[in-house]
C-alpha atoms as a PDB file:
ATOM      1  CA  MET A   1      17.246 -15.337  -5.679  1.00  0.00           C
ATOM      2  CA  ASP A   2      20.286 -14.456  -3.547  1.00  0.00           C
ATOM      3  CA  LEU A   3      20.226 -12.952  -0.072  1.00  0.00           C
ATOM      4  CA  LEU A   4      21.128  -9.429  -1.239  1.00  0.00           C
ATOM      5  CA  GLN A   5      18.162  -9.402  -3.612  1.00  0.00           C
ATOM      6  CA  ALA A   6      15.886 -10.780  -0.882  1.00  0.00           C
ATOM      7  CA  PHE A   7      17.059  -8.138   1.604  1.00  0.00           C
ATOM      8  CA  THR A   8      16.736  -5.302  -0.931  1.00  0.00           C
ATOM      9  CA  LEU A   9      13.240  -6.254  -2.063  1.00  0.00           C
ATOM     10  CA  GLY A  10      12.109  -6.848   1.519  1.00  0.00           C
ATOM     11  CA  LEU A  11      13.418  -3.410   2.451  1.00  0.00           C
ATOM     12  CA  VAL A  12      11.679  -1.817  -0.534  1.00  0.00           C
ATOM     13  CA  GLN A  13       8.373  -3.530   0.264  1.00  0.00           C
ATOM     14  CA  GLY A  14       8.523  -2.599   3.938  1.00  0.00           C
ATOM     15  CA  VAL A  15       9.291   1.066   3.316  1.00  0.00           C
ATOM     16  CA  THR A  16       7.034   1.695   0.329  1.00  0.00           C
ATOM     17  CA  GLU A  17       3.899  -0.298   1.241  1.00  0.00           C
ATOM     18  CA  PHE A  18       2.677   2.377   3.629  1.00  0.00           C
ATOM     19  CA  LEU A  19       4.253   5.483   2.132  1.00  0.00           C
ATOM     20  CA  PRO A  20       2.300   7.068  -0.742  1.00  0.00           C
ATOM     21  CA  ILE A  21       4.988   6.131  -3.267  1.00  0.00           C
ATOM     22  CA  SER A  22       3.843   2.686  -4.544  1.00  0.00           C
ATOM     23  CA  SER A  23       5.398  -0.588  -3.415  1.00  0.00           C
ATOM     24  CA  SER A  24       4.297  -2.344  -6.626  1.00  0.00           C
ATOM     25  CA  GLY A  25       5.998   0.319  -8.715  1.00  0.00           C
ATOM     26  CA  PHE A  26       9.291  -0.002  -6.873  1.00  0.00           C
ATOM     27  CA  LEU A  27       9.149  -3.818  -6.946  1.00  0.00           C
ATOM     28  CA  ILE A  28       8.984  -3.534 -10.742  1.00  0.00           C
ATOM     29  CA  LEU A  29      11.657  -0.834 -11.062  1.00  0.00           C
ATOM     30  CA  ILE A  30      14.302  -2.271  -8.711  1.00  0.00           C
ATOM     31  CA  PRO A  31      14.753  -5.609 -10.557  1.00  0.00           C
ATOM     32  CA  GLU A  32      14.901  -3.732 -13.860  1.00  0.00           C
ATOM     33  CA  LEU A  33      17.496  -1.341 -12.450  1.00  0.00           C
ATOM     34  CA  PHE A  34      19.798  -4.113 -11.215  1.00  0.00           C
ATOM     35  CA  GLY A  35      19.086  -6.572 -14.025  1.00  0.00           C
ATOM     36  CA  TRP A  36      17.503  -9.145 -11.690  1.00  0.00           C
ATOM     37  CA  GLU A  37      14.903 -11.674 -12.703  1.00  0.00           C
ATOM     38  CA  VAL A  38      11.385 -10.806 -11.537  1.00  0.00           C
ATOM     39  CA  GLN A  39      10.933 -12.186  -8.031  1.00  0.00           C
ATOM     40  CA  ASP A  40       9.017 -15.405  -7.512  1.00  0.00           C
ATOM     41  CA  VAL A  41       5.337 -15.219  -6.462  1.00  0.00           C
ATOM     42  CA  ALA A  42       6.258 -17.098  -3.279  1.00  0.00           C
ATOM     43  CA  PHE A  43       8.553 -14.250  -2.295  1.00  0.00           C
ATOM     44  CA  ASP A  44       5.852 -11.667  -3.063  1.00  0.00           C
ATOM     45  CA  ALA A  45       3.413 -13.611  -0.883  1.00  0.00           C
ATOM     46  CA  VAL A  46       5.819 -13.781   2.041  1.00  0.00           C
ATOM     47  CA  ILE A  47       6.731 -10.077   2.050  1.00  0.00           C
ATOM     48  CA  HIS A  48       3.052  -9.134   1.739  1.00  0.00           C
ATOM     49  CA  LEU A  49       2.252 -11.218   4.803  1.00  0.00           C
ATOM     50  CA  ALA A  50       5.193  -9.621   6.626  1.00  0.00           C
ATOM     51  CA  THR A  51       3.788  -6.137   6.028  1.00  0.00           C
ATOM     52  CA  LEU A  52       0.363  -7.404   7.082  1.00  0.00           C
ATOM     53  CA  MET A  53       1.762  -8.530  10.427  1.00  0.00           C
ATOM     54  CA  ALA A  54       3.607  -5.223  10.778  1.00  0.00           C
ATOM     55  CA  VAL A  55       0.484  -3.078  10.329  1.00  0.00           C
ATOM     56  CA  VAL A  56      -1.498  -5.225  12.769  1.00  0.00           C
ATOM     57  CA  VAL A  57       1.223  -4.862  15.419  1.00  0.00           C
ATOM     58  CA  ALA A  58       1.801  -1.148  14.757  1.00  0.00           C
ATOM     59  CA  LEU A  59      -1.906  -0.281  14.843  1.00  0.00           C
ATOM     60  CA  TRP A  60      -2.910  -2.754  17.531  1.00  0.00           C
ATOM     61  CA  PRO A  61      -4.135   0.044  19.882  1.00  0.00           C
ATOM     62  CA  ASP A  62      -6.483   1.219  17.090  1.00  0.00           C
ATOM     63  CA  ILE A  63      -7.607  -2.336  16.349  1.00  0.00           C
ATOM     64  CA  ALA A  64      -8.165  -3.062  20.042  1.00  0.00           C
ATOM     65  CA  ALA A  65     -10.161   0.159  20.397  1.00  0.00           C
ATOM     66  CA  VAL A  66     -12.351  -0.860  17.463  1.00  0.00           C
ATOM     67  CA  LYS A  67     -12.938  -4.284  19.019  1.00  0.00           C
ATOM     68  CA  LYS A  68     -14.097  -2.709  22.282  1.00  0.00           C
ATOM     69  CA  GLY A  69     -15.802   0.399  20.934  1.00  0.00           C
ATOM     70  CA  LYS A  70     -19.487   0.949  20.363  1.00  0.00           C
ATOM     71  CA  THR A  71     -18.840   1.699  16.678  1.00  0.00           C
ATOM     72  CA  ARG A  72     -17.039  -1.610  16.120  1.00  0.00           C
ATOM     73  CA  ASN A  73     -19.593  -3.186  13.799  1.00  0.00           C
ATOM     74  CA  THR A  74     -20.060   0.057  11.882  1.00  0.00           C
ATOM     75  CA  LEU A  75     -16.340   0.579  11.227  1.00  0.00           C
ATOM     76  CA  LEU A  76     -15.884  -3.054  10.246  1.00  0.00           C
ATOM     77  CA  LYS A  77     -18.739  -2.686   7.760  1.00  0.00           C
ATOM     78  CA  TRP A  78     -17.081   0.418   6.299  1.00  0.00           C
ATOM     79  CA  LEU A  79     -13.781  -1.427   5.906  1.00  0.00           C
ATOM     80  CA  ALA A  80     -15.513  -4.429   4.325  1.00  0.00           C
ATOM     81  CA  LEU A  81     -17.484  -2.190   1.965  1.00  0.00           C
ATOM     82  CA  ALA A  82     -14.352  -0.272   0.989  1.00  0.00           C
ATOM     83  CA  THR A  83     -12.598  -3.553   0.153  1.00  0.00           C
ATOM     84  CA  VAL A  84     -15.247  -4.713  -2.351  1.00  0.00           C
ATOM     85  CA  PRO A  85     -14.170  -2.530  -5.336  1.00  0.00           C
ATOM     86  CA  VAL A  86     -10.572  -3.790  -5.284  1.00  0.00           C
ATOM     87  CA  LEU A  87     -11.839  -7.386  -5.172  1.00  0.00           C
ATOM     88  CA  ILE A  88     -14.044  -6.827  -8.212  1.00  0.00           C
ATOM     89  CA  VAL A  89     -11.414  -5.014 -10.284  1.00  0.00           C
ATOM     90  CA  GLY A  90      -8.702  -7.433  -9.182  1.00  0.00           C
ATOM     91  CA  GLY A  91     -10.902 -10.359 -10.201  1.00  0.00           C
ATOM     92  CA  ILE A  92     -11.451  -8.807 -13.631  1.00  0.00           C
ATOM     93  CA  PHE A  93      -7.698  -8.290 -14.069  1.00  0.00           C
ATOM     94  CA  GLU A  94      -7.105 -11.918 -13.055  1.00  0.00           C
ATOM     95  CA  MET A  95      -9.724 -13.356 -15.430  1.00  0.00           C
ATOM     96  CA  THR A  96      -8.647 -11.243 -18.394  1.00  0.00           C
ATOM     97  CA  HIS A  97      -4.919 -11.682 -17.638  1.00  0.00           C
ATOM     98  CA  PHE A  98      -4.570  -7.912 -17.840  1.00  0.00           C
ATOM     99  CA  ASP A  99      -1.035  -7.000 -16.822  1.00  0.00           C
ATOM    100  CA  PRO A 100      -0.212  -3.259 -16.816  1.00  0.00           C
ATOM    101  CA  ARG A 101       3.281  -3.707 -15.382  1.00  0.00           C
ATOM    102  CA  SER A 102       5.876  -1.626 -17.205  1.00  0.00           C
ATOM    103  CA  ALA A 103       8.302   1.132 -16.291  1.00  0.00           C
ATOM    104  CA  THR A 104       6.338   3.615 -18.424  1.00  0.00           C
ATOM    105  CA  VAL A 105       3.058   2.860 -16.652  1.00  0.00           C
ATOM    106  CA  VAL A 106       4.808   3.184 -13.284  1.00  0.00           C
ATOM    107  CA  ALA A 107       6.394   6.505 -14.281  1.00  0.00           C
ATOM    108  CA  TRP A 108       3.146   8.113 -15.416  1.00  0.00           C
ATOM    109  CA  SER A 109       1.330   6.817 -12.347  1.00  0.00           C
ATOM    110  CA  PHE A 110       4.030   8.356 -10.147  1.00  0.00           C
ATOM    111  CA  ILE A 111       3.619  11.705 -11.906  1.00  0.00           C
ATOM    112  CA  VAL A 112      -0.169  11.909 -12.217  1.00  0.00           C
ATOM    113  CA  TRP A 113      -1.034  10.741  -8.711  1.00  0.00           C
ATOM    114  CA  GLY A 114       1.866  12.659  -7.221  1.00  0.00           C
ATOM    115  CA  ILE A 115       0.432  15.881  -8.638  1.00  0.00           C
ATOM    116  CA  VAL A 116      -3.055  14.979  -7.387  1.00  0.00           C
ATOM    117  CA  LEU A 117      -1.728  14.205  -3.893  1.00  0.00           C
ATOM    118  CA  TYR A 118       0.178  17.495  -3.802  1.00  0.00           C
ATOM    119  CA  LEU A 119      -2.866  19.558  -4.828  1.00  0.00           C
ATOM    120  CA  VAL A 120      -5.203  17.776  -2.420  1.00  0.00           C
ATOM    121  CA  ASP A 121      -2.712  17.948   0.453  1.00  0.00           C
ATOM    122  CA  ARG A 122      -2.337  21.721   0.034  1.00  0.00           C
ATOM    123  CA  ARG A 123      -6.085  22.102   0.668  1.00  0.00           C
ATOM    124  CA  ALA A 124      -6.171  19.653   3.577  1.00  0.00           C
ATOM    125  CA  THR A 125      -7.461  20.884   6.925  1.00  0.00           C
ATOM    126  CA  SER A 126      -6.877  19.472  10.396  1.00  0.00           C
ATOM    127  CA  PRO A 127     -10.297  18.656  11.843  1.00  0.00           C
ATOM    128  CA  ARG A 128     -10.587  16.828  15.147  1.00  0.00           C
ATOM    129  CA  ASP A 129     -11.739  13.523  13.708  1.00  0.00           C
ATOM    130  CA  THR A 130     -11.106   9.802  14.174  1.00  0.00           C
ATOM    131  CA  VAL A 131     -11.473   6.712  11.998  1.00  0.00           C
ATOM    132  CA  GLU A 132     -14.816   6.014  13.685  1.00  0.00           C
ATOM    133  CA  LYS A 133     -16.168   9.171  12.007  1.00  0.00           C
ATOM    134  CA  VAL A 134     -15.201   8.265   8.433  1.00  0.00           C
ATOM    135  CA  GLY A 135     -18.797   7.381   7.487  1.00  0.00           C
ATOM    136  CA  ILE A 136     -20.241   5.128   4.817  1.00  0.00           C
ATOM    137  CA  THR A 137     -20.030   7.648   1.947  1.00  0.00           C
ATOM    138  CA  ARG A 138     -16.352   8.381   2.473  1.00  0.00           C
ATOM    139  CA  ALA A 139     -15.634   4.671   2.972  1.00  0.00           C
ATOM    140  CA  VAL A 140     -17.208   3.866  -0.415  1.00  0.00           C
ATOM    141  CA  TRP A 141     -15.235   6.571  -2.240  1.00  0.00           C
ATOM    142  CA  ILE A 142     -11.980   5.572  -0.565  1.00  0.00           C
ATOM    143  CA  GLY A 143     -12.687   1.960  -1.552  1.00  0.00           C
ATOM    144  CA  LEU A 144     -13.258   2.976  -5.171  1.00  0.00           C
ATOM    145  CA  ALA A 145      -9.982   4.904  -5.106  1.00  0.00           C
ATOM    146  CA  GLN A 146      -8.189   1.846  -3.762  1.00  0.00           C
ATOM    147  CA  ALA A 147      -9.220  -0.175  -6.840  1.00  0.00           C
ATOM    148  CA  VAL A 148      -7.234   2.249  -9.027  1.00  0.00           C
ATOM    149  CA  ALA A 149      -4.105   1.262  -7.091  1.00  0.00           C
ATOM    150  CA  LEU A 150      -4.059  -2.068  -8.950  1.00  0.00           C
ATOM    151  CA  ILE A 151      -2.275  -0.079 -11.652  1.00  0.00           C
ATOM    152  CA  PRO A 152       1.430  -0.186 -10.641  1.00  0.00           C
ATOM    153  CA  GLY A 153       2.886   3.112  -9.546  1.00  0.00           C
ATOM    154  CA  THR A 154      -0.410   4.428  -8.186  1.00  0.00           C
ATOM    155  CA  SER A 155       0.202   3.412  -4.537  1.00  0.00           C
ATOM    156  CA  ARG A 156      -2.610   1.843  -2.517  1.00  0.00           C
ATOM    157  CA  SER A 157      -1.861   3.932   0.540  1.00  0.00           C
ATOM    158  CA  GLY A 158      -1.234   7.046  -1.559  1.00  0.00           C
ATOM    159  CA  ILE A 159      -4.511   7.053  -3.433  1.00  0.00           C
ATOM    160  CA  THR A 160      -6.638   6.100  -0.414  1.00  0.00           C
ATOM    161  CA  ILE A 161      -4.986   8.825   1.677  1.00  0.00           C
ATOM    162  CA  THR A 162      -5.521  11.288  -1.186  1.00  0.00           C
ATOM    163  CA  ALA A 163      -9.194  10.322  -1.336  1.00  0.00           C
ATOM    164  CA  GLY A 164      -9.550  10.686   2.432  1.00  0.00           C
ATOM    165  CA  LEU A 165      -7.960  14.136   2.405  1.00  0.00           C
ATOM    166  CA  HIS A 166     -10.158  15.242  -0.498  1.00  0.00           C
ATOM    167  CA  LEU A 167     -13.221  14.085   1.449  1.00  0.00           C
ATOM    168  CA  GLY A 168     -12.310  16.230   4.437  1.00  0.00           C
ATOM    169  CA  LEU A 169     -10.446  13.867   6.749  1.00  0.00           C
ATOM    170  CA  SER A 170      -7.359  15.043   8.613  1.00  0.00           C
ATOM    171  CA  ARG A 171      -3.984  13.742   7.451  1.00  0.00           C
ATOM    172  CA  GLU A 172      -3.616  11.408  10.426  1.00  0.00           C
ATOM    173  CA  THR A 173      -7.164  10.022  10.212  1.00  0.00           C
ATOM    174  CA  ALA A 174      -6.951   9.508   6.441  1.00  0.00           C
ATOM    175  CA  THR A 175      -3.659   7.696   6.985  1.00  0.00           C
ATOM    176  CA  ARG A 176      -4.952   5.502   9.820  1.00  0.00           C
ATOM    177  CA  PHE A 177      -8.059   4.528   7.842  1.00  0.00           C
ATOM    178  CA  SER A 178      -5.853   3.752   4.839  1.00  0.00           C
ATOM    179  CA  PHE A 179      -3.650   1.517   6.986  1.00  0.00           C
ATOM    180  CA  LEU A 180      -6.641  -0.261   8.551  1.00  0.00           C
ATOM    181  CA  LEU A 181      -8.113  -0.744   5.075  1.00  0.00           C
ATOM    182  CA  GLY A 182      -4.780  -2.216   4.040  1.00  0.00           C
ATOM    183  CA  ILE A 183      -5.212  -5.135   6.462  1.00  0.00           C
ATOM    184  CA  PRO A 184      -7.872  -7.047   4.457  1.00  0.00           C
ATOM    185  CA  THR A 185      -6.424  -5.885   1.137  1.00  0.00           C
ATOM    186  CA  ILE A 186      -2.856  -6.995   1.882  1.00  0.00           C
ATOM    187  CA  ALA A 187      -4.145 -10.237   3.394  1.00  0.00           C
ATOM    188  CA  ILE A 188      -6.106 -11.046   0.233  1.00  0.00           C
ATOM    189  CA  ALA A 189      -3.140 -10.161  -2.017  1.00  0.00           C
ATOM    190  CA  GLY A 190      -0.864 -12.407   0.042  1.00  0.00           C
ATOM    191  CA  LEU A 191      -3.327 -15.302   0.038  1.00  0.00           C
ATOM    192  CA  VAL A 192      -3.817 -15.068  -3.731  1.00  0.00           C
ATOM    193  CA  LYS A 193      -0.060 -15.360  -4.207  1.00  0.00           C
ATOM    194  CA  LEU A 194       0.094 -18.241  -1.715  1.00  0.00           C
ATOM    195  CA  LYS A 195      -2.494 -20.021  -3.875  1.00  0.00           C
ATOM    196  CA  ASP A 196      -0.024 -19.867  -6.758  1.00  0.00           C
ATOM    197  CA  VAL A 197       2.615 -21.365  -4.482  1.00  0.00           C
ATOM    198  CA  ALA A 198       0.267 -24.182  -3.455  1.00  0.00           C
ATOM    199  CA  ASP A 199      -0.472 -24.885  -7.127  1.00  0.00           C
ATOM    200  CA  GLY A 200       3.207 -25.629  -7.595  1.00  0.00           C
ATOM    201  CA  SER A 201       3.763 -22.683  -9.912  1.00  0.00           C
ATOM    202  CA  ALA A 202       6.315 -21.052  -7.625  1.00  0.00           C
ATOM    203  CA  ALA A 203       9.498 -22.086  -5.878  1.00  0.00           C
ATOM    204  CA  VAL A 204      12.160 -20.234  -3.896  1.00  0.00           C
ATOM    205  CA  ASP A 205      14.677 -21.243  -1.233  1.00  0.00           C
ATOM    206  CA  ALA A 206      13.734 -20.916   2.419  1.00  0.00           C
ATOM    207  CA  LEU A 207      16.591 -18.586   3.465  1.00  0.00           C
ATOM    208  CA  PRO A 208      15.787 -15.767   0.995  1.00  0.00           C
ATOM    209  CA  LEU A 209      12.135 -16.058   2.061  1.00  0.00           C
ATOM    210  CA  LEU A 210      13.138 -15.657   5.714  1.00  0.00           C
ATOM    211  CA  VAL A 211      15.420 -12.704   4.977  1.00  0.00           C
ATOM    212  CA  GLY A 212      12.728 -10.976   2.917  1.00  0.00           C
ATOM    213  CA  PHE A 213      10.057 -11.623   5.558  1.00  0.00           C
ATOM    214  CA  ILE A 214      12.094 -10.275   8.471  1.00  0.00           C
ATOM    215  CA  THR A 215      13.344  -7.253   6.531  1.00  0.00           C
ATOM    216  CA  ALA A 216       9.900  -6.322   5.185  1.00  0.00           C
ATOM    217  CA  GLY A 217       8.224  -6.780   8.560  1.00  0.00           C
ATOM    218  CA  ILE A 218      10.680  -4.696  10.579  1.00  0.00           C
ATOM    219  CA  THR A 219      10.933  -1.868   8.035  1.00  0.00           C
ATOM    220  CA  ALA A 220       7.143  -1.734   7.545  1.00  0.00           C
ATOM    221  CA  PHE A 221       6.578  -1.447  11.302  1.00  0.00           C
ATOM    222  CA  LEU A 222       9.142   1.348  11.624  1.00  0.00           C
ATOM    223  CA  THR A 223       7.779   3.152   8.558  1.00  0.00           C
ATOM    224  CA  ILE A 224       4.244   3.207   9.969  1.00  0.00           C
ATOM    225  CA  LYS A 225       5.416   4.574  13.321  1.00  0.00           C
ATOM    226  CA  VAL A 226       7.682   7.205  11.746  1.00  0.00           C
ATOM    227  CA  LEU A 227       5.045   8.340   9.227  1.00  0.00           C
ATOM    228  CA  LEU A 228       2.315   8.800  11.852  1.00  0.00           C
ATOM    229  CA  ALA A 229       4.720  10.836  13.994  1.00  0.00           C
ATOM    230  CA  PHE A 230       5.861  12.831  10.940  1.00  0.00           C
ATOM    231  CA  LEU A 231       2.290  13.810  10.045  1.00  0.00           C
ATOM    232  CA  ARG A 232       1.724  15.524  13.371  1.00  0.00           C
ATOM    233  CA  THR A 233       3.896  18.415  12.180  1.00  0.00           C
ATOM    234  CA  HIS A 234       4.334  17.913   8.424  1.00  0.00           C
ATOM    235  CA  SER A 235       2.326  17.301   5.252  1.00  0.00           C
ATOM    236  CA  TYR A 236       2.540  14.948   2.280  1.00  0.00           C
ATOM    237  CA  ALA A 237       3.878  17.662  -0.041  1.00  0.00           C
ATOM    238  CA  GLU A 238       7.489  16.442   0.037  1.00  0.00           C
ATOM    239  CA  LEU A 239       6.530  12.857  -0.810  1.00  0.00           C
ATOM    240  CA  ALA A 240       4.234  14.055  -3.601  1.00  0.00           C
ATOM    241  CA  ILE A 241       7.064  16.083  -5.152  1.00  0.00           C
ATOM    242  CA  PHE A 242       9.389  13.077  -4.821  1.00  0.00           C
ATOM    243  CA  ARG A 243       6.879  10.964  -6.787  1.00  0.00           C
ATOM    244  CA  VAL A 244       6.729  13.472  -9.633  1.00  0.00           C
ATOM    245  CA  ILE A 245      10.510  13.902  -9.848  1.00  0.00           C
ATOM    246  CA  LEU A 246      11.060  10.131  -9.829  1.00  0.00           C
ATOM    247  CA  GLY A 247       8.420   9.629 -12.532  1.00  0.00           C
ATOM    248  CA  VAL A 248      10.041  12.226 -14.804  1.00  0.00           C
ATOM    249  CA  PHE A 249      13.457  10.660 -14.170  1.00  0.00           C
ATOM    250  CA  ILE A 250      12.178   7.223 -15.189  1.00  0.00           C
ATOM    251  CA  LEU A 251      10.684   8.591 -18.419  1.00  0.00           C
ATOM    252  CA  LEU A 252      13.997  10.257 -19.295  1.00  0.00           C
ATOM    253  CA  MET A 253      16.060   7.119 -18.715  1.00  0.00           C
END
């Protein structure tokens, strides 16, 4: 892996991890587009951990508030409960060696879930809510939705935000809960890939790893901040339309 590839993939991971446009889908499409070899699992692990650090730093006020708040244990239970479905489905995929990665799968996922996001976003309201008011029922449904994101092109943040909006959360609260839910999920994904590295099944030079880590971390932090500010006056409609157009374009290529 050269430095340009490391920078490009780090940039893609950082920007797309928290936008509802699927980081996994783009990490499959970009190498195919440029004729690169699929990136090493060590690189995937490093850029996942970079985005994990970025979301913790970007949402630290929310995390600190949860640590001090009276609803701390309740919210943590909701996040833990919402993480269970993705662990179960991910474990099944791992044991059965099910690998749905292909440009066609990514394209249809872009289109289908882009349409769903657009329709749900059009009906979204703006209640005065916070992540502490998500509740156990909504947490369970959002967690189930997150498991679907193991199919490339779906977008973990996209489908959990869509579920939150459908269940009556405001855009900003659905997004914040999705990002908080991403902390354990991204951590687990990164650790699983690090296990492959420890097993000796992965190898990549240190400099591309560093470039990818720094690029992914900085761009993820900026993306989170920009998106939360954007949602105060805008909706997800534009990003949903972008998903559908990109999916159709991929199918026509």
